[in-house]
């Protein structure tokens, strides 16, 4: 049994990516899964001046410790204007300053959802490129486009997407 930390790299209280993470983790059996909301871990936009003056917030340090205890992560990234959101990038900036290899040895399943037809593919692609710099091994990705049409009552409603997700999730879980 593996320990998995799951979250959406979003600071929205109504994050569709958090809804996706919650659904995906509901499908996982035989593993210990901890789902967190990033809104519970407030921190400012990264600034070298803030880092020098105030250091790292307790929530950032504690979250980094939690990540270290995990075998794998499920991260859902949101997309703004065709790329990672400023919030997601800010997470990476803070974590990489605290511990450059904060994802060392972590296997990652990257997700993304958007209200448009692109399904956050650009943000997923950026994260897939960036996260290995910090030690992550990207195991697979999954994109859910047109969220309002393909997700309802806490679950994916498009059967083809459900099949694809379950296949990718099964592969991810078999390799952690």
Foldseek 3Di string as FASTA:
>chain_A
DFEEEEEELDLDPPDPQLLVRVLLVVPDDPYHYHYDYCVVQDDDQDDPVCCVVPNDDPSLVVVLVVLVRGQEYEYEFEDDPLEGDSSSVSNLVRNCVVPVQSCANYEYEYEYEDLAQVQCVSHSVVCCVPNVSNHYHYQYYAGHYNCVVQDDPSYGNPPVSVVVSVVSSVSSVVVD
